[in-house]
Amino acid sequence: QVSADIARAELIAFPILFLLTLLVFRSAVSALLPLAVGGATILLSFLAIRIVNSHVNPMSIYALNLINGLGLGLAIDYSLFMVSRFREELAAGKDREAALAATLRTAGHVVAFSAITVACALAALIVFRQRFLYSMGVGGALCALIAAGVSLTLLPALLGILGEKVNAGGPRRWKEAIAREAR
């Protein structure tokens, strides 16, 4: 039942989140980046939970629900930091590599600090004896760290490949708004 619920939640969440990120990022290409980061975060977190479940300690199935929500939420949050900063650096006249370096130096530190804070807060649940709380603590902490790892590796790689095309896929007035906000 949990597996069916997760599949249904993802089928509903991804299109809705795409529409919301499209409004926020004002570009189809930029709106797809948080979903790519979220998808990678969720898959890698499921893999990590499976490894923990198999080799360390049995985990509650409820951790998977937490990973879905937290993975998508953190992916959107971290992508917003990174993409916005990358756009600002490009608008300031920096080339792709310099913009990416400045993005990682500034927004990258914010993402790393945020992930460590979230992971530590969720890891506090590990002290409880109830299996579902323990599992949510482990799953949430792993998911937060994995979200940061994906945001600091996959996302910069995608931004580096895209460069100025990160703003592609939107109406002219959205592109003008992107340029105005980035300046």
C-alpha atoms as a PDB file:
ATOM      1  CA  GLN A   1       0.000   0.000   0.000  1.00  0.00           C
ATOM      2  CA  VAL A   2       2.825   2.407   0.834  1.00  0.00           C
ATOM      3  CA  SER A   3       4.495   1.711  -2.513  1.00  0.00           C
ATOM      4  CA  ALA A   4       1.240   2.418  -4.349  1.00  0.00           C
ATOM      5  CA  ASP A   5       0.750   5.605  -2.323  1.00  0.00           C
ATOM      6  CA  ILE A   6       4.281   6.775  -3.122  1.00  0.00           C
ATOM      7  CA  ALA A   7       3.776   6.164  -6.845  1.00  0.00           C
ATOM      8  CA  ARG A   8       0.452   8.026  -6.778  1.00  0.00           C
ATOM      9  CA  ALA A   9       1.977  10.917  -4.809  1.00  0.00           C
ATOM     10  CA  GLU A  10       4.817  11.242  -7.315  1.00  0.00           C
ATOM     11  CA  LEU A  11       2.404  11.185 -10.264  1.00  0.00           C
ATOM     12  CA  ILE A  12       0.476  14.034  -8.674  1.00  0.00           C
ATOM     13  CA  ALA A  13       3.386  15.968  -7.166  1.00  0.00           C
ATOM     14  CA  PHE A  14       5.757  16.190 -10.127  1.00  0.00           C
ATOM     15  CA  PRO A  15       3.340  17.921 -12.566  1.00  0.00           C
ATOM     16  CA  ILE A  16       2.080  20.297  -9.867  1.00  0.00           C
ATOM     17  CA  LEU A  17       5.618  21.106  -8.781  1.00  0.00           C
ATOM     18  CA  PHE A  18       6.641  21.664 -12.399  1.00  0.00           C
ATOM     19  CA  LEU A  19       3.867  24.237 -12.803  1.00  0.00           C
ATOM     20  CA  LEU A  20       4.815  25.960  -9.547  1.00  0.00           C
ATOM     21  CA  THR A  21       8.516  26.021 -10.362  1.00  0.00           C
ATOM     22  CA  LEU A  22       7.667  27.276 -13.847  1.00  0.00           C
ATOM     23  CA  LEU A  23       5.956  30.277 -12.253  1.00  0.00           C
ATOM     24  CA  VAL A  24       8.824  30.853  -9.836  1.00  0.00           C
ATOM     25  CA  PHE A  25      11.731  30.303 -12.244  1.00  0.00           C
ATOM     26  CA  ARG A  26       9.911  31.742 -15.313  1.00  0.00           C
ATOM     27  CA  SER A  27      11.676  29.294 -17.613  1.00  0.00           C
ATOM     28  CA  ALA A  28      10.871  25.717 -18.598  1.00  0.00           C
ATOM     29  CA  VAL A  29      14.530  24.716 -18.486  1.00  0.00           C
ATOM     30  CA  SER A  30      15.034  26.181 -15.007  1.00  0.00           C
ATOM     31  CA  ALA A  31      11.760  24.650 -13.811  1.00  0.00           C
ATOM     32  CA  LEU A  32      12.981  21.177 -14.765  1.00  0.00           C
ATOM     33  CA  LEU A  33      16.206  21.499 -12.748  1.00  0.00           C
ATOM     34  CA  PRO A  34      14.595  21.172  -9.269  1.00  0.00           C
ATOM     35  CA  LEU A  35      12.639  18.158 -10.479  1.00  0.00           C
ATOM     36  CA  ALA A  36      15.843  16.527 -11.739  1.00  0.00           C
ATOM     37  CA  VAL A  37      17.544  17.250  -8.415  1.00  0.00           C
ATOM     38  CA  GLY A  38      14.480  16.004  -6.514  1.00  0.00           C
ATOM     39  CA  GLY A  39      14.218  12.820  -8.550  1.00  0.00           C
ATOM     40  CA  ALA A  40      17.909  12.048  -8.090  1.00  0.00           C
ATOM     41  CA  THR A  41      17.686  12.844  -4.375  1.00  0.00           C
ATOM     42  CA  ILE A  42      14.706  10.545  -3.873  1.00  0.00           C
ATOM     43  CA  LEU A  43      16.254   7.661  -5.805  1.00  0.00           C
ATOM     44  CA  LEU A  44      19.601   7.935  -4.022  1.00  0.00           C
ATOM     45  CA  SER A  45      17.857   8.268  -0.646  1.00  0.00           C
ATOM     46  CA  PHE A  46      15.792   5.147  -1.337  1.00  0.00           C
ATOM     47  CA  LEU A  47      19.026   3.345  -2.193  1.00  0.00           C
ATOM     48  CA  ALA A  48      20.667   4.545   1.032  1.00  0.00           C
ATOM     49  CA  ILE A  49      17.657   3.460   3.104  1.00  0.00           C
ATOM     50  CA  ARG A  50      17.716   0.067   1.424  1.00  0.00           C
ATOM     51  CA  ILE A  51      21.401  -0.335   2.299  1.00  0.00           C
ATOM     52  CA  VAL A  52      20.759   0.713   5.907  1.00  0.00           C
ATOM     53  CA  ASN A  53      17.755  -1.623   6.067  1.00  0.00           C
ATOM     54  CA  SER A  54      19.765  -4.556   4.683  1.00  0.00           C
ATOM     55  CA  HIS A  55      23.060  -4.124   6.508  1.00  0.00           C
ATOM     56  CA  VAL A  56      22.576  -1.970   9.610  1.00  0.00           C
ATOM     57  CA  ASN A  57      19.098  -1.869  11.104  1.00  0.00           C
ATOM     58  CA  PRO A  58      15.565  -2.623   9.861  1.00  0.00           C
ATOM     59  CA  MET A  59      13.754   0.554   8.836  1.00  0.00           C
ATOM     60  CA  SER A  60      10.079   1.476   8.974  1.00  0.00           C
ATOM     61  CA  ILE A  61       8.301   1.882   5.646  1.00  0.00           C
ATOM     62  CA  TYR A  62       7.121   5.342   6.764  1.00  0.00           C
ATOM     63  CA  ALA A  63      10.605   6.745   6.160  1.00  0.00           C
ATOM     64  CA  LEU A  64       9.902   6.457   2.425  1.00  0.00           C
ATOM     65  CA  ASN A  65       7.018   8.924   2.677  1.00  0.00           C
ATOM     66  CA  LEU A  66       9.245  11.392   4.488  1.00  0.00           C
ATOM     67  CA  ILE A  67      11.950  11.011   1.856  1.00  0.00           C
ATOM     68  CA  ASN A  68       9.498  11.851  -0.933  1.00  0.00           C
ATOM     69  CA  GLY A  69       8.323  15.100   0.610  1.00  0.00           C
ATOM     70  CA  LEU A  70      11.624  16.171   2.079  1.00  0.00           C
ATOM     71  CA  GLY A  71      13.584  15.261  -1.043  1.00  0.00           C
ATOM     72  CA  LEU A  72      11.354  17.331  -3.312  1.00  0.00           C
ATOM     73  CA  GLY A  73      11.153  20.223  -0.855  1.00  0.00           C
ATOM     74  CA  LEU A  74      14.885  20.476  -0.329  1.00  0.00           C
ATOM     75  CA  ALA A  75      15.561  20.035  -4.042  1.00  0.00           C
ATOM     76  CA  ILE A  76      13.337  22.992  -4.876  1.00  0.00           C
ATOM     77  CA  ASP A  77      14.802  25.073  -2.063  1.00  0.00           C
ATOM     78  CA  TYR A  78      18.416  24.358  -2.930  1.00  0.00           C
ATOM     79  CA  SER A  79      17.796  24.727  -6.662  1.00  0.00           C
ATOM     80  CA  LEU A  80      16.229  28.115  -6.071  1.00  0.00           C
ATOM     81  CA  PHE A  81      19.371  29.283  -4.268  1.00  0.00           C
ATOM     82  CA  MET A  82      21.715  27.930  -6.894  1.00  0.00           C
ATOM     83  CA  VAL A  83      19.825  28.879 -10.067  1.00  0.00           C
ATOM     84  CA  SER A  84      19.045  32.392  -8.832  1.00  0.00           C
ATOM     85  CA  ARG A  85      22.659  33.006  -7.922  1.00  0.00           C
ATOM     86  CA  PHE A  86      23.884  31.548 -11.220  1.00  0.00           C
ATOM     87  CA  ARG A  87      21.548  33.880 -13.110  1.00  0.00           C
ATOM     88  CA  GLU A  88      22.803  36.859 -11.102  1.00  0.00           C
ATOM     89  CA  GLU A  89      26.402  36.011 -11.872  1.00  0.00           C
ATOM     90  CA  LEU A  90      25.661  35.607 -15.585  1.00  0.00           C
ATOM     91  CA  ALA A  91      23.782  38.927 -15.593  1.00  0.00           C
ATOM     92  CA  ALA A  92      26.825  40.564 -13.995  1.00  0.00           C
ATOM     93  CA  GLY A  93      28.767  39.665 -17.130  1.00  0.00           C
ATOM     94  CA  LYS A  94      30.711  36.668 -15.858  1.00  0.00           C
ATOM     95  CA  ASP A  95      31.381  33.770 -18.192  1.00  0.00           C
ATOM     96  CA  ARG A  96      29.909  30.351 -17.483  1.00  0.00           C
ATOM     97  CA  GLU A  97      32.851  29.022 -15.445  1.00  0.00           C
ATOM     98  CA  ALA A  98      33.260  32.174 -13.344  1.00  0.00           C
ATOM     99  CA  ALA A  99      29.501  32.320 -12.715  1.00  0.00           C
ATOM    100  CA  LEU A 100      29.476  28.701 -11.635  1.00  0.00           C
ATOM    101  CA  ALA A 101      32.480  29.199  -9.338  1.00  0.00           C
ATOM    102  CA  ALA A 102      30.860  32.231  -7.687  1.00  0.00           C
ATOM    103  CA  THR A 103      27.575  30.327  -7.351  1.00  0.00           C
ATOM    104  CA  LEU A 104      29.244  27.427  -5.580  1.00  0.00           C
ATOM    105  CA  ARG A 105      31.303  29.763  -3.400  1.00  0.00           C
ATOM    106  CA  THR A 106      28.221  31.651  -2.175  1.00  0.00           C
ATOM    107  CA  ALA A 107      24.975  29.702  -2.618  1.00  0.00           C
ATOM    108  CA  GLY A 108      26.871  26.423  -2.364  1.00  0.00           C
ATOM    109  CA  HIS A 109      27.914  27.255   1.185  1.00  0.00           C
ATOM    110  CA  VAL A 110      24.311  28.121   2.069  1.00  0.00           C
ATOM    111  CA  VAL A 111      23.120  24.789   0.676  1.00  0.00           C
ATOM    112  CA  ALA A 112      25.783  22.839   2.575  1.00  0.00           C
ATOM    113  CA  PHE A 113      25.088  24.625   5.874  1.00  0.00           C
ATOM    114  CA  SER A 114      21.324  24.229   5.460  1.00  0.00           C
ATOM    115  CA  ALA A 115      21.630  20.521   4.731  1.00  0.00           C
ATOM    116  CA  ILE A 116      23.846  19.916   7.745  1.00  0.00           C
ATOM    117  CA  THR A 117      21.377  21.806   9.951  1.00  0.00           C
ATOM    118  CA  VAL A 118      18.374  19.852   8.635  1.00  0.00           C
ATOM    119  CA  ALA A 119      20.249  16.540   8.905  1.00  0.00           C
ATOM    120  CA  CYS A 120      21.270  17.229  12.513  1.00  0.00           C
ATOM    121  CA  ALA A 121      17.731  18.244  13.473  1.00  0.00           C
ATOM    122  CA  LEU A 122      16.250  15.095  11.946  1.00  0.00           C
ATOM    123  CA  ALA A 123      19.009  12.898  13.356  1.00  0.00           C
ATOM    124  CA  ALA A 124      17.733  13.844  16.809  1.00  0.00           C
ATOM    125  CA  LEU A 125      14.853  11.419  16.148  1.00  0.00           C
ATOM    126  CA  ILE A 126      17.333   8.538  16.234  1.00  0.00           C
ATOM    127  CA  VAL A 127      17.330   8.560  20.039  1.00  0.00           C
ATOM    128  CA  PHE A 128      13.684   7.444  20.223  1.00  0.00           C
ATOM    129  CA  ARG A 129      12.945   3.747  20.606  1.00  0.00           C
ATOM    130  CA  GLN A 130       9.910   3.731  18.332  1.00  0.00           C
ATOM    131  CA  ARG A 131      10.965   2.216  15.022  1.00  0.00           C
ATOM    132  CA  PHE A 132       9.067   4.736  12.874  1.00  0.00           C
ATOM    133  CA  LEU A 133      10.666   7.748  14.614  1.00  0.00           C
ATOM    134  CA  TYR A 134      14.111   6.182  14.412  1.00  0.00           C
ATOM    135  CA  SER A 135      13.552   5.399  10.726  1.00  0.00           C
ATOM    136  CA  MET A 136      12.368   8.916   9.975  1.00  0.00           C
ATOM    137  CA  GLY A 137      15.437  10.315  11.712  1.00  0.00           C
ATOM    138  CA  VAL A 138      17.792   8.150   9.680  1.00  0.00           C
ATOM    139  CA  GLY A 139      15.858   8.616   6.433  1.00  0.00           C
ATOM    140  CA  GLY A 140      15.456  12.361   6.879  1.00  0.00           C
ATOM    141  CA  ALA A 141      19.096  12.947   7.781  1.00  0.00           C
ATOM    142  CA  LEU A 142      20.285  10.855   4.834  1.00  0.00           C
ATOM    143  CA  CYS A 143      17.857  12.603   2.497  1.00  0.00           C
ATOM    144  CA  ALA A 144      19.010  16.085   3.579  1.00  0.00           C
ATOM    145  CA  LEU A 145      22.666  15.191   3.045  1.00  0.00           C
ATOM    146  CA  ILE A 146      21.957  13.505  -0.275  1.00  0.00           C
ATOM    147  CA  ALA A 147      19.912  16.520  -1.422  1.00  0.00           C
ATOM    148  CA  ALA A 148      22.908  18.738  -0.708  1.00  0.00           C
ATOM    149  CA  GLY A 149      25.245  16.325  -2.457  1.00  0.00           C
ATOM    150  CA  VAL A 150      23.057  16.238  -5.563  1.00  0.00           C
ATOM    151  CA  SER A 151      22.585  20.020  -5.451  1.00  0.00           C
ATOM    152  CA  LEU A 152      26.333  20.562  -5.212  1.00  0.00           C
ATOM    153  CA  THR A 153      27.297  18.058  -7.925  1.00  0.00           C
ATOM    154  CA  LEU A 154      24.525  17.307 -10.426  1.00  0.00           C
ATOM    155  CA  LEU A 155      22.976  20.779 -10.408  1.00  0.00           C
ATOM    156  CA  PRO A 156      26.255  22.662 -11.028  1.00  0.00           C
ATOM    157  CA  ALA A 157      27.074  20.179 -13.786  1.00  0.00           C
ATOM    158  CA  LEU A 158      23.713  20.889 -15.427  1.00  0.00           C
ATOM    159  CA  LEU A 159      24.164  24.638 -14.972  1.00  0.00           C
ATOM    160  CA  GLY A 160      27.638  24.409 -16.484  1.00  0.00           C
ATOM    161  CA  ILE A 161      26.269  22.569 -19.507  1.00  0.00           C
ATOM    162  CA  LEU A 162      23.312  24.933 -19.918  1.00  0.00           C
ATOM    163  CA  GLY A 163      25.018  28.279 -19.344  1.00  0.00           C
ATOM    164  CA  GLU A 164      22.767  31.054 -20.705  1.00  0.00           C
ATOM    165  CA  LYS A 165      20.246  28.444 -21.864  1.00  0.00           C
ATOM    166  CA  VAL A 166      19.166  28.088 -18.237  1.00  0.00           C
ATOM    167  CA  ASN A 167      16.685  30.882 -19.010  1.00  0.00           C
ATOM    168  CA  ALA A 168      15.257  29.195 -22.114  1.00  0.00           C
ATOM    169  CA  GLY A 169      11.694  28.067 -22.543  1.00  0.00           C
ATOM    170  CA  GLY A 170       9.623  31.014 -21.467  1.00  0.00           C
ATOM    171  CA  PRO A 171       7.720  33.903 -22.978  1.00  0.00           C
ATOM    172  CA  ARG A 172       9.592  37.112 -23.783  1.00  0.00           C
ATOM    173  CA  ARG A 173       8.108  39.006 -20.830  1.00  0.00           C
ATOM    174  CA  TRP A 174       9.300  36.272 -18.457  1.00  0.00           C
ATOM    175  CA  LYS A 175      12.805  36.481 -19.921  1.00  0.00           C
ATOM    176  CA  GLU A 176      12.758  40.252 -19.439  1.00  0.00           C
ATOM    177  CA  ALA A 177      11.663  39.735 -15.833  1.00  0.00           C
ATOM    178  CA  ILE A 178      14.461  37.205 -15.300  1.00  0.00           C
ATOM    179  CA  ALA A 179      17.048  39.663 -16.649  1.00  0.00           C
ATOM    180  CA  ARG A 180      15.633  42.523 -14.567  1.00  0.00           C
ATOM    181  CA  GLU A 181      15.647  40.470 -11.351  1.00  0.00           C
ATOM    182  CA  ALA A 182      19.117  39.065 -12.005  1.00  0.00           C
ATOM    183  CA  ARG A 183      20.532  42.569 -12.463  1.00  0.00           C
END
